[in-house]
PDB file of all heavy atoms in Angstrom:
ATOM      1  N   TYR A   1     -60.208 -26.364 107.462  1.00  0.00           N
ATOM      2  CA  TYR A   1     -59.199 -27.043 106.666  1.00  0.00           C
ATOM      3  C   TYR A   1     -59.865 -27.764 105.501  1.00  0.00           C
ATOM      4  O   TYR A   1     -61.067 -28.048 105.503  1.00  0.00           O
ATOM      5  CB  TYR A   1     -58.388 -28.036 107.510  1.00  0.00           C
ATOM      6  CG  TYR A   1     -59.074 -29.349 107.681  1.00  0.00           C
ATOM      7  CD1 TYR A   1     -58.737 -30.432 106.891  1.00  0.00           C
ATOM      8  CD2 TYR A   1     -60.094 -29.498 108.606  1.00  0.00           C
ATOM      9  CE1 TYR A   1     -59.396 -31.623 107.016  1.00  0.00           C
ATOM     10  CE2 TYR A   1     -60.765 -30.677 108.723  1.00  0.00           C
ATOM     11  CZ  TYR A   1     -60.402 -31.751 107.933  1.00  0.00           C
ATOM     12  OH  TYR A   1     -61.070 -32.924 108.043  1.00  0.00           O
ATOM     13  N   GLY A   2     -59.098 -28.068 104.479  1.00  0.00           N
ATOM     14  CA  GLY A   2     -59.614 -28.823 103.342  1.00  0.00           C
ATOM     15  C   GLY A   2     -58.474 -29.313 102.482  1.00  0.00           C
ATOM     16  O   GLY A   2     -57.348 -28.803 102.536  1.00  0.00           O
ATOM     17  N   GLU A   3     -58.731 -30.332 101.690  1.00  0.00           N
ATOM     18  CA  GLU A   3     -57.718 -30.925 100.827  1.00  0.00           C
ATOM     19  C   GLU A   3     -58.026 -30.652  99.370  1.00  0.00           C
ATOM     20  O   GLU A   3     -59.186 -30.583  98.951  1.00  0.00           O
ATOM     21  CB  GLU A   3     -57.633 -32.441 101.044  1.00  0.00           C
ATOM     22  CG  GLU A   3     -57.084 -32.860 102.391  1.00  0.00           C
ATOM     23  CD  GLU A   3     -58.134 -32.916 103.473  1.00  0.00           C
ATOM     24  OE1 GLU A   3     -59.318 -33.089 103.119  1.00  0.00           O
ATOM     25  OE2 GLU A   3     -57.802 -32.787 104.661  1.00  0.00           O
ATOM     26  N   MET A   4     -56.972 -30.509  98.561  1.00  0.00           N
ATOM     27  CA  MET A   4     -57.111 -30.406  97.122  1.00  0.00           C
ATOM     28  C   MET A   4     -55.929 -31.088  96.458  1.00  0.00           C
ATOM     29  O   MET A   4     -54.937 -31.429  97.128  1.00  0.00           O
ATOM     30  CB  MET A   4     -57.227 -28.941  96.679  1.00  0.00           C
ATOM     31  CG  MET A   4     -56.050 -28.057  97.031  1.00  0.00           C
ATOM     32  SD  MET A   4     -54.776 -28.010  95.714  1.00  0.00           S
ATOM     33  CE  MET A   4     -55.684 -27.167  94.414  1.00  0.00           C
ATOM     34  N   GLU A   5     -56.020 -31.290  95.150  1.00  0.00           N
ATOM     35  CA  GLU A   5     -54.971 -31.970  94.399  1.00  0.00           C
ATOM     36  C   GLU A   5     -54.454 -31.058  93.297  1.00  0.00           C
ATOM     37  O   GLU A   5     -55.227 -30.386  92.610  1.00  0.00           O
ATOM     38  CB  GLU A   5     -55.497 -33.273  93.802  1.00  0.00           C
ATOM     39  CG  GLU A   5     -54.467 -34.068  93.011  1.00  0.00           C
ATOM     40  CD  GLU A   5     -55.039 -35.323  92.383  1.00  0.00           C
ATOM     41  OE1 GLU A   5     -56.139 -35.735  92.806  1.00  0.00           O
ATOM     42  OE2 GLU A   5     -54.411 -35.881  91.470  1.00  0.00           O
ATOM     43  N   TRP A   6     -53.137 -31.023  93.134  1.00  0.00           N
ATOM     44  CA  TRP A   6     -52.530 -30.266  92.051  1.00  0.00           C
ATOM     45  C   TRP A   6     -51.386 -31.085  91.472  1.00  0.00           C
ATOM     46  O   TRP A   6     -50.459 -31.460  92.176  1.00  0.00           O
ATOM     47  CB  TRP A   6     -52.008 -28.913  92.555  1.00  0.00           C
ATOM     48  CG  TRP A   6     -51.454 -28.029  91.477  1.00  0.00           C
ATOM     49  CD1 TRP A   6     -50.153 -27.683  91.275  1.00  0.00           C
ATOM     50  CD2 TRP A   6     -52.189 -27.366  90.449  1.00  0.00           C
ATOM     51  NE1 TRP A   6     -50.012 -26.849  90.198  1.00  0.00           N
ATOM     52  CE2 TRP A   6     -51.257 -26.629  89.655  1.00  0.00           C
ATOM     53  CE3 TRP A   6     -53.542 -27.314  90.098  1.00  0.00           C
ATOM     54  CZ2 TRP A   6     -51.649 -25.861  88.561  1.00  0.00           C
ATOM     55  CZ3 TRP A   6     -53.929 -26.541  88.997  1.00  0.00           C
ATOM     56  CH2 TRP A   6     -52.975 -25.826  88.257  1.00  0.00           C
ATOM     57  N   LEU A   7     -51.506 -31.416  90.189  1.00  0.00           N
ATOM     58  CA  LEU A   7     -50.512 -32.222  89.476  1.00  0.00           C
ATOM     59  C   LEU A   7     -50.231 -33.540  90.182  1.00  0.00           C
ATOM     60  O   LEU A   7     -49.093 -34.013  90.259  1.00  0.00           O
ATOM     61  CB  LEU A   7     -49.210 -31.428  89.288  1.00  0.00           C
ATOM     62  CG  LEU A   7     -49.340 -30.109  88.506  1.00  0.00           C
ATOM     63  CD1 LEU A   7     -47.979 -29.427  88.381  1.00  0.00           C
ATOM     64  CD2 LEU A   7     -49.936 -30.359  87.128  1.00  0.00           C
ATOM     65  N   GLY A   8     -51.287 -34.133  90.738  1.00  0.00           N
ATOM     66  CA  GLY A   8     -51.166 -35.426  91.389  1.00  0.00           C
ATOM     67  C   GLY A   8     -50.759 -35.375  92.843  1.00  0.00           C
ATOM     68  O   GLY A   8     -50.740 -36.408  93.515  1.00  0.00           O
ATOM     69  N   HIS A   9     -50.415 -34.198  93.344  1.00  0.00           N
ATOM     70  CA  HIS A   9     -49.999 -34.048  94.729  1.00  0.00           C
ATOM     71  C   HIS A   9     -51.170 -33.523  95.568  1.00  0.00           C
ATOM     72  O   HIS A   9     -51.839 -32.559  95.189  1.00  0.00           O
ATOM     73  CB  HIS A   9     -48.814 -33.086  94.845  1.00  0.00           C
ATOM     74  CG  HIS A   9     -47.581 -33.560  94.161  1.00  0.00           C
ATOM     75  ND1 HIS A   9     -46.720 -34.489  94.719  1.00  0.00           N
ATOM     76  CD2 HIS A   9     -47.061 -33.261  92.937  1.00  0.00           C
ATOM     77  CE1 HIS A   9     -45.721 -34.721  93.891  1.00  0.00           C
ATOM     78  NE2 HIS A   9     -45.899 -33.990  92.801  1.00  0.00           N
ATOM     79  N   HIS A  10     -51.402 -34.150  96.713  1.00  0.00           N
ATOM     80  CA  HIS A  10     -52.478 -33.750  97.603  1.00  0.00           C
ATOM     81  C   HIS A  10     -51.965 -32.751  98.635  1.00  0.00           C
ATOM     82  O   HIS A  10     -50.952 -32.979  99.296  1.00  0.00           O
ATOM     83  CB  HIS A  10     -53.079 -34.981  98.294  1.00  0.00           C
ATOM     84  CG  HIS A  10     -53.776 -35.905  97.359  1.00  0.00           C
ATOM     85  ND1 HIS A  10     -55.113 -35.789  97.044  1.00  0.00           N
ATOM     86  CD2 HIS A  10     -53.305 -36.959  96.640  1.00  0.00           C
ATOM     87  CE1 HIS A  10     -55.445 -36.733  96.178  1.00  0.00           C
ATOM     88  NE2 HIS A  10     -54.370 -37.455  95.914  1.00  0.00           N
ATOM     89  N   LEU A  11     -52.687 -31.645  98.766  1.00  0.00           N
ATOM     90  CA  LEU A  11     -52.292 -30.564  99.657  1.00  0.00           C
ATOM     91  C   LEU A  11     -53.414 -30.269 100.639  1.00  0.00           C
ATOM     92  O   LEU A  11     -54.595 -30.297 100.280  1.00  0.00           O
ATOM     93  CB  LEU A  11     -51.972 -29.297  98.861  1.00  0.00           C
ATOM     94  CG  LEU A  11     -50.970 -29.432  97.706  1.00  0.00           C
ATOM     95  CD1 LEU A  11     -50.928 -28.136  96.898  1.00  0.00           C
ATOM     96  CD2 LEU A  11     -49.584 -29.791  98.220  1.00  0.00           C
ATOM     97  N   THR A  12     -53.069 -29.981 101.890  1.00  0.00           N
ATOM     98  CA  THR A  12     -54.033 -29.582 102.903  1.00  0.00           C
ATOM     99  C   THR A  12     -53.877 -28.094 103.178  1.00  0.00           C
ATOM    100  O   THR A  12     -52.805 -27.633 103.566  1.00  0.00           O
ATOM    101  CB  THR A  12     -53.831 -30.370 104.212  1.00  0.00           C
ATOM    102  OG1 THR A  12     -54.084 -31.757 103.981  1.00  0.00           O
ATOM    103  CG2 THR A  12     -54.796 -29.874 105.289  1.00  0.00           C
ATOM    104  N   PHE A  13     -54.961 -27.325 102.955  1.00  0.00           N
ATOM    105  CA  PHE A  13     -54.970 -25.897 103.222  1.00  0.00           C
ATOM    106  C   PHE A  13     -55.722 -25.615 104.518  1.00  0.00           C
ATOM    107  O   PHE A  13     -56.725 -26.263 104.828  1.00  0.00           O
ATOM    108  CB  PHE A  13     -55.645 -25.130 102.083  1.00  0.00           C
ATOM    109  CG  PHE A  13     -54.778 -24.964 100.861  1.00  0.00           C
ATOM    110  CD1 PHE A  13     -54.787 -25.923  99.864  1.00  0.00           C
ATOM    111  CD2 PHE A  13     -53.966 -23.852 100.711  1.00  0.00           C
ATOM    112  CE1 PHE A  13     -53.992 -25.780  98.740  1.00  0.00           C
ATOM    113  CE2 PHE A  13     -53.169 -23.693  99.589  1.00  0.00           C
ATOM    114  CZ  PHE A  13     -53.186 -24.658  98.593  1.00  0.00           C
ATOM    115  N   ILE A  14     -55.242 -24.643 105.269  1.00  0.00           N
ATOM    116  CA  ILE A  14     -55.918 -24.183 106.477  1.00  0.00           C
ATOM    117  C   ILE A  14     -56.223 -22.701 106.341  1.00  0.00           C
ATOM    118  O   ILE A  14     -55.327 -21.883 106.120  1.00  0.00           O
ATOM    119  CB  ILE A  14     -55.080 -24.418 107.742  1.00  0.00           C
ATOM    120  CG1 ILE A  14     -54.760 -25.903 107.912  1.00  0.00           C
ATOM    121  CG2 ILE A  14     -55.833 -23.915 108.970  1.00  0.00           C
ATOM    122  CD1 ILE A  14     -53.840 -26.187 109.087  1.00  0.00           C
ATOM    123  N   ASP A  15     -57.494 -22.358 106.444  1.00  0.00           N
ATOM    124  CA  ASP A  15     -57.930 -20.965 106.442  1.00  0.00           C
ATOM    125  C   ASP A  15     -57.946 -20.466 107.879  1.00  0.00           C
ATOM    126  O   ASP A  15     -58.586 -21.066 108.749  1.00  0.00           O
ATOM    127  CB  ASP A  15     -59.322 -20.862 105.817  1.00  0.00           C
ATOM    128  CG  ASP A  15     -59.820 -19.428 105.710  1.00  0.00           C
ATOM    129  OD1 ASP A  15     -58.980 -18.510 105.694  1.00  0.00           O
ATOM    130  OD2 ASP A  15     -61.049 -19.244 105.640  1.00  0.00           O
ATOM    131  N   THR A  16     -57.254 -19.383 108.150  1.00  0.00           N
ATOM    132  CA  THR A  16     -57.174 -18.845 109.506  1.00  0.00           C
ATOM    133  C   THR A  16     -57.937 -17.536 109.611  1.00  0.00           C
ATOM    134  O   THR A  16     -58.244 -16.882 108.609  1.00  0.00           O
ATOM    135  CB  THR A  16     -55.721 -18.608 109.937  1.00  0.00           C
ATOM    136  OG1 THR A  16     -55.164 -17.546 109.162  1.00  0.00           O
ATOM    137  CG2 THR A  16     -54.892 -19.872 109.756  1.00  0.00           C
ATOM    138  N   GLY A  17     -58.259 -17.135 110.822  1.00  0.00           N
ATOM    139  CA  GLY A  17     -58.916 -15.862 111.049  1.00  0.00           C
ATOM    140  C   GLY A  17     -57.980 -14.688 110.831  1.00  0.00           C
ATOM    141  O   GLY A  17     -56.754 -14.827 110.818  1.00  0.00           O
ATOM    142  N   GLY A  18     -58.569 -13.523 110.630  1.00  0.00           N
ATOM    143  CA  GLY A  18     -57.781 -12.326 110.396  1.00  0.00           C
ATOM    144  C   GLY A  18     -56.884 -11.971 111.570  1.00  0.00           C
ATOM    145  O   GLY A  18     -57.329 -11.898 112.721  1.00  0.00           O
ATOM    146  N   TYR A  19     -55.621 -11.742 111.298  1.00  0.00           N
ATOM    147  CA  TYR A  19     -54.613 -11.475 112.314  1.00  0.00           C
ATOM    148  C   TYR A  19     -54.546  -9.976 112.598  1.00  0.00           C
ATOM    149  O   TYR A  19     -54.249  -9.173 111.708  1.00  0.00           O
ATOM    150  CB  TYR A  19     -53.254 -12.002 111.836  1.00  0.00           C
ATOM    151  CG  TYR A  19     -52.162 -11.981 112.870  1.00  0.00           C
ATOM    152  CD1 TYR A  19     -51.902 -13.093 113.646  1.00  0.00           C
ATOM    153  CD2 TYR A  19     -51.384 -10.850 113.061  1.00  0.00           C
ATOM    154  CE1 TYR A  19     -50.882 -13.088 114.590  1.00  0.00           C
ATOM    155  CE2 TYR A  19     -50.368 -10.834 114.003  1.00  0.00           C
ATOM    156  CZ  TYR A  19     -50.116 -11.953 114.762  1.00  0.00           C
ATOM    157  OH  TYR A  19     -49.115 -11.941 115.688  1.00  0.00           O
ATOM    158  N   ILE A  20     -54.851  -9.595 113.868  1.00  0.00           N
ATOM    159  CA  ILE A  20     -54.794  -8.199 114.276  1.00  0.00           C
ATOM    160  C   ILE A  20     -53.842  -8.103 115.459  1.00  0.00           C
ATOM    161  O   ILE A  20     -54.245  -8.252 116.610  1.00  0.00           O
ATOM    162  CB  ILE A  20     -56.181  -7.656 114.659  1.00  0.00           C
ATOM    163  CG1 ILE A  20     -57.212  -7.976 113.563  1.00  0.00           C
ATOM    164  CG2 ILE A  20     -56.126  -6.148 114.907  1.00  0.00           C
ATOM    165  CD1 ILE A  20     -58.615  -7.567 113.909  1.00  0.00           C
ATOM    166  N   PRO A  21     -52.553  -7.864 115.236  1.00  0.00           N
ATOM    167  CA  PRO A  21     -51.567  -7.934 116.324  1.00  0.00           C
ATOM    168  C   PRO A  21     -51.774  -6.898 117.419  1.00  0.00           C
ATOM    169  O   PRO A  21     -51.463  -7.144 118.573  1.00  0.00           O
ATOM    170  CB  PRO A  21     -50.227  -7.724 115.608  1.00  0.00           C
ATOM    171  CG  PRO A  21     -50.530  -7.315 114.270  1.00  0.00           C
ATOM    172  CD  PRO A  21     -51.926  -7.616 113.930  1.00  0.00           C
ATOM    173  N   GLU A  22     -52.306  -5.746 117.071  1.00  0.00           N
ATOM    174  CA  GLU A  22     -52.403  -4.683 118.057  1.00  0.00           C
ATOM    175  C   GLU A  22     -53.708  -4.699 118.850  1.00  0.00           C
ATOM    176  O   GLU A  22     -53.890  -3.899 119.764  1.00  0.00           O
ATOM    177  CB  GLU A  22     -52.235  -3.315 117.386  1.00  0.00           C
ATOM    178  CG  GLU A  22     -53.375  -2.948 116.409  1.00  0.00           C
ATOM    179  CD  GLU A  22     -53.145  -3.473 115.002  1.00  0.00           C
ATOM    180  OE1 GLU A  22     -52.311  -4.354 114.849  1.00  0.00           O
ATOM    181  OE2 GLU A  22     -53.811  -2.995 114.071  1.00  0.00           O
ATOM    182  N   ASP A  23     -54.625  -5.580 118.509  1.00  0.00           N
ATOM    183  CA  ASP A  23     -55.928  -5.614 119.158  1.00  0.00           C
ATOM    184  C   ASP A  23     -55.853  -6.454 120.430  1.00  0.00           C
ATOM    185  O   ASP A  23     -55.382  -7.575 120.428  1.00  0.00           O
ATOM    186  CB  ASP A  23     -56.980  -6.208 118.206  1.00  0.00           C
ATOM    187  CG  ASP A  23     -58.398  -5.855 118.611  1.00  0.00           C
ATOM    188  OD1 ASP A  23     -58.714  -5.968 119.804  1.00  0.00           O
ATOM    189  OD2 ASP A  23     -59.177  -5.458 117.726  1.00  0.00           O
ATOM    190  N   VAL A  24     -56.353  -5.909 121.527  1.00  0.00           N
ATOM    191  CA  VAL A  24     -56.300  -6.618 122.801  1.00  0.00           C
ATOM    192  C   VAL A  24     -57.618  -7.285 123.134  1.00  0.00           C
ATOM    193  O   VAL A  24     -57.756  -7.914 124.179  1.00  0.00           O
ATOM    194  CB  VAL A  24     -55.901  -5.667 123.949  1.00  0.00           C
ATOM    195  CG1 VAL A  24     -54.490  -5.139 123.751  1.00  0.00           C
ATOM    196  CG2 VAL A  24     -56.902  -4.516 124.076  1.00  0.00           C
ATOM    197  N   ASP A  25     -58.633  -7.140 122.262  1.00  0.00           N
ATOM    198  CA  ASP A  25     -59.916  -7.800 122.471  1.00  0.00           C
ATOM    199  C   ASP A  25     -59.699  -9.300 122.650  1.00  0.00           C
ATOM    200  O   ASP A  25     -58.907  -9.927 121.938  1.00  0.00           O
ATOM    201  CB  ASP A  25     -60.837  -7.548 121.277  1.00  0.00           C
ATOM    202  CG  ASP A  25     -62.155  -8.282 121.391  1.00  0.00           C
ATOM    203  OD1 ASP A  25     -63.036  -7.796 122.107  1.00  0.00           O
ATOM    204  OD2 ASP A  25     -62.274  -9.356 120.787  1.00  0.00           O
ATOM    205  N   ILE A  26     -60.393  -9.907 123.620  1.00  0.00           N
ATOM    206  CA  ILE A  26     -60.149 -11.311 123.950  1.00  0.00           C
ATOM    207  C   ILE A  26     -60.426 -12.237 122.782  1.00  0.00           C
ATOM    208  O   ILE A  26     -59.715 -13.217 122.565  1.00  0.00           O
ATOM    209  CB  ILE A  26     -60.976 -11.720 125.188  1.00  0.00           C
ATOM    210  CG1 ILE A  26     -60.568 -13.131 125.657  1.00  0.00           C
ATOM    211  CG2 ILE A  26     -62.485 -11.659 124.892  1.00  0.00           C
ATOM    212  CD1 ILE A  26     -61.134 -13.468 127.025  1.00  0.00           C
ATOM    213  N   PHE A  27     -61.478 -11.922 121.983  1.00  0.00           N
ATOM    214  CA  PHE A  27     -61.767 -12.770 120.834  1.00  0.00           C
ATOM    215  C   PHE A  27     -60.656 -12.700 119.807  1.00  0.00           C
ATOM    216  O   PHE A  27     -60.166 -13.719 119.317  1.00  0.00           O
ATOM    217  CB  PHE A  27     -63.097 -12.377 120.203  1.00  0.00           C
ATOM    218  CG  PHE A  27     -63.328 -13.014 118.866  1.00  0.00           C
ATOM    219  CD1 PHE A  27     -63.624 -14.357 118.763  1.00  0.00           C
ATOM    220  CD2 PHE A  27     -63.213 -12.262 117.701  1.00  0.00           C
ATOM    221  CE1 PHE A  27     -63.798 -14.938 117.519  1.00  0.00           C
ATOM    222  CE2 PHE A  27     -63.389 -12.848 116.470  1.00  0.00           C
ATOM    223  CZ  PHE A  27     -63.687 -14.186 116.375  1.00  0.00           C
ATOM    224  N   ASN A  28     -60.250 -11.471 119.457  1.00  0.00           N
ATOM    225  CA  ASN A  28     -59.179 -11.315 118.486  1.00  0.00           C
ATOM    226  C   ASN A  28     -57.873 -11.915 118.992  1.00  0.00           C
ATOM    227  O   ASN A  28     -57.047 -12.376 118.206  1.00  0.00           O
ATOM    228  CB  ASN A  28     -58.992  -9.843 118.128  1.00  0.00           C
ATOM    229  CG  ASN A  28     -60.110  -9.327 117.233  1.00  0.00           C
ATOM    230  OD1 ASN A  28     -60.606 -10.039 116.373  1.00  0.00           O
ATOM    231  ND2 ASN A  28     -60.508  -8.086 117.450  1.00  0.00           N
ATOM    232  N   LYS A  29     -57.681 -11.902 120.293  1.00  0.00           N
ATOM    233  CA  LYS A  29     -56.512 -12.541 120.870  1.00  0.00           C
ATOM    234  C   LYS A  29     -56.521 -14.034 120.593  1.00  0.00           C
ATOM    235  O   LYS A  29     -55.493 -14.618 120.240  1.00  0.00           O
ATOM    236  CB  LYS A  29     -56.453 -12.286 122.382  1.00  0.00           C
ATOM    237  CG  LYS A  29     -55.214 -12.871 123.052  1.00  0.00           C
ATOM    238  CD  LYS A  29     -55.204 -12.572 124.546  1.00  0.00           C
ATOM    239  CE  LYS A  29     -53.967 -13.179 125.212  1.00  0.00           C
ATOM    240  NZ  LYS A  29     -53.968 -12.919 126.683  1.00  0.00           N
ATOM    241  N   ALA A  30     -57.694 -14.670 120.719  1.00  0.00           N
ATOM    242  CA  ALA A  30     -57.813 -16.100 120.448  1.00  0.00           C
ATOM    243  C   ALA A  30     -57.548 -16.401 118.973  1.00  0.00           C
ATOM    244  O   ALA A  30     -56.863 -17.374 118.630  1.00  0.00           O
ATOM    245  CB  ALA A  30     -59.203 -16.591 120.846  1.00  0.00           C
ATOM    246  N   VAL A  31     -58.089 -15.558 118.082  1.00  0.00           N
ATOM    247  CA  VAL A  31     -57.844 -15.724 116.659  1.00  0.00           C
ATOM    248  C   VAL A  31     -56.364 -15.585 116.355  1.00  0.00           C
ATOM    249  O   VAL A  31     -55.792 -16.348 115.562  1.00  0.00           O
ATOM    250  CB  VAL A  31     -58.667 -14.700 115.844  1.00  0.00           C
ATOM    251  CG1 VAL A  31     -58.262 -14.739 114.371  1.00  0.00           C
ATOM    252  CG2 VAL A  31     -60.155 -14.992 115.972  1.00  0.00           C
ATOM    253  N   ARG A  32     -55.742 -14.611 117.008  1.00  0.00           N
ATOM    254  CA  ARG A  32     -54.314 -14.384 116.805  1.00  0.00           C
ATOM    255  C   ARG A  32     -53.492 -15.599 117.252  1.00  0.00           C
ATOM    256  O   ARG A  32     -52.548 -16.008 116.566  1.00  0.00           O
ATOM    257  CB  ARG A  32     -53.911 -13.130 117.582  1.00  0.00           C
ATOM    258  CG  ARG A  32     -52.520 -12.643 117.323  1.00  0.00           C
ATOM    259  CD  ARG A  32     -52.354 -11.179 117.753  1.00  0.00           C
ATOM    260  NE  ARG A  32     -52.597 -11.000 119.179  1.00  0.00           N
ATOM    261  CZ  ARG A  32     -53.662 -10.333 119.660  1.00  0.00           C
ATOM    262  NH1 ARG A  32     -54.558  -9.829 118.845  1.00  0.00           N
ATOM    263  NH2 ARG A  32     -53.811 -10.172 120.963  1.00  0.00           N
ATOM    264  N   GLN A  33     -53.861 -16.189 118.362  1.00  0.00           N
ATOM    265  CA  GLN A  33     -53.160 -17.372 118.858  1.00  0.00           C
ATOM    266  C   GLN A  33     -53.300 -18.542 117.890  1.00  0.00           C
ATOM    267  O   GLN A  33     -52.352 -19.297 117.660  1.00  0.00           O
ATOM    268  CB  GLN A  33     -53.686 -17.740 120.239  1.00  0.00           C
ATOM    269  CG  GLN A  33     -53.267 -16.781 121.342  1.00  0.00           C
ATOM    270  CD  GLN A  33     -53.924 -17.105 122.668  1.00  0.00           C
ATOM    271  OE1 GLN A  33     -54.935 -17.809 122.737  1.00  0.00           O
ATOM    272  NE2 GLN A  33     -53.364 -16.582 123.757  1.00  0.00           N
ATOM    273  N   GLN A  34     -54.489 -18.689 117.314  1.00  0.00           N
ATOM    274  CA  GLN A  34     -54.688 -19.776 116.371  1.00  0.00           C
ATOM    275  C   GLN A  34     -53.904 -19.543 115.080  1.00  0.00           C
ATOM    276  O   GLN A  34     -53.389 -20.495 114.478  1.00  0.00           O
ATOM    277  CB  GLN A  34     -56.171 -19.966 116.088  1.00  0.00           C
ATOM    278  CG  GLN A  34     -56.928 -20.517 117.283  1.00  0.00           C
ATOM    279  CD  GLN A  34     -58.224 -21.177 116.913  1.00  0.00           C
ATOM    280  OE1 GLN A  34     -58.526 -21.362 115.746  1.00  0.00           O
ATOM    281  NE2 GLN A  34     -58.993 -21.574 117.903  1.00  0.00           N
ATOM    282  N   ALA A  35     -53.816 -18.300 114.627  1.00  0.00           N
ATOM    283  CA  ALA A  35     -53.001 -17.998 113.458  1.00  0.00           C
ATOM    284  C   ALA A  35     -51.536 -18.318 113.729  1.00  0.00           C
ATOM    285  O   ALA A  35     -50.829 -18.858 112.876  1.00  0.00           O
ATOM    286  CB  ALA A  35     -53.170 -16.532 113.066  1.00  0.00           C
ATOM    287  N   GLN A  36     -51.072 -17.997 114.922  1.00  0.00           N
ATOM    288  CA  GLN A  36     -49.703 -18.318 115.303  1.00  0.00           C
ATOM    289  C   GLN A  36     -49.484 -19.823 115.357  1.00  0.00           C
ATOM    290  O   GLN A  36     -48.441 -20.330 114.938  1.00  0.00           O
ATOM    291  CB  GLN A  36     -49.379 -17.663 116.643  1.00  0.00           C
ATOM    292  CG  GLN A  36     -49.290 -16.145 116.577  1.00  0.00           C
ATOM    293  CD  GLN A  36     -49.266 -15.496 117.940  1.00  0.00           C
ATOM    294  OE1 GLN A  36     -49.548 -16.130 118.957  1.00  0.00           O
ATOM    295  NE2 GLN A  36     -48.933 -14.204 117.986  1.00  0.00           N
ATOM    296  N   SER A  37     -50.471 -20.560 115.852  1.00  0.00           N
ATOM    297  CA  SER A  37     -50.373 -22.012 115.882  1.00  0.00           C
ATOM    298  C   SER A  37     -50.379 -22.586 114.475  1.00  0.00           C
ATOM    299  O   SER A  37     -49.699 -23.575 114.192  1.00  0.00           O
ATOM    300  CB  SER A  37     -51.537 -22.610 116.684  1.00  0.00           C
ATOM    301  OG  SER A  37     -51.444 -22.271 118.040  1.00  0.00           O
ATOM    302  N   ALA A  38     -51.134 -21.960 113.575  1.00  0.00           N
ATOM    303  CA  ALA A  38     -51.156 -22.409 112.178  1.00  0.00           C
ATOM    304  C   ALA A  38     -49.770 -22.291 111.564  1.00  0.00           C
ATOM    305  O   ALA A  38     -49.311 -23.177 110.840  1.00  0.00           O
ATOM    306  CB  ALA A  38     -52.162 -21.585 111.369  1.00  0.00           C
ATOM    307  N   ILE A  39     -49.088 -21.194 111.858  1.00  0.00           N
ATOM    308  CA  ILE A  39     -47.735 -20.999 111.355  1.00  0.00           C
ATOM    309  C   ILE A  39     -46.797 -22.082 111.884  1.00  0.00           C
ATOM    310  O   ILE A  39     -45.972 -22.634 111.150  1.00  0.00           O
ATOM    311  CB  ILE A  39     -47.227 -19.596 111.727  1.00  0.00           C
ATOM    312  CG1 ILE A  39     -48.012 -18.540 110.953  1.00  0.00           C
ATOM    313  CG2 ILE A  39     -45.727 -19.462 111.470  1.00  0.00           C
ATOM    314  CD1 ILE A  39     -47.728 -17.112 111.375  1.00  0.00           C
TER     315      ILE A  39
END
């Protein structure tokens, strides 16, 4: 996560891992869950 300013307004951006819905690999599953939580 990180913060930036645009026209005086402060915004927090979150970079998420690549979303692979069809992948059943346990790691990609965890990344997918975190992307869903980000949403």
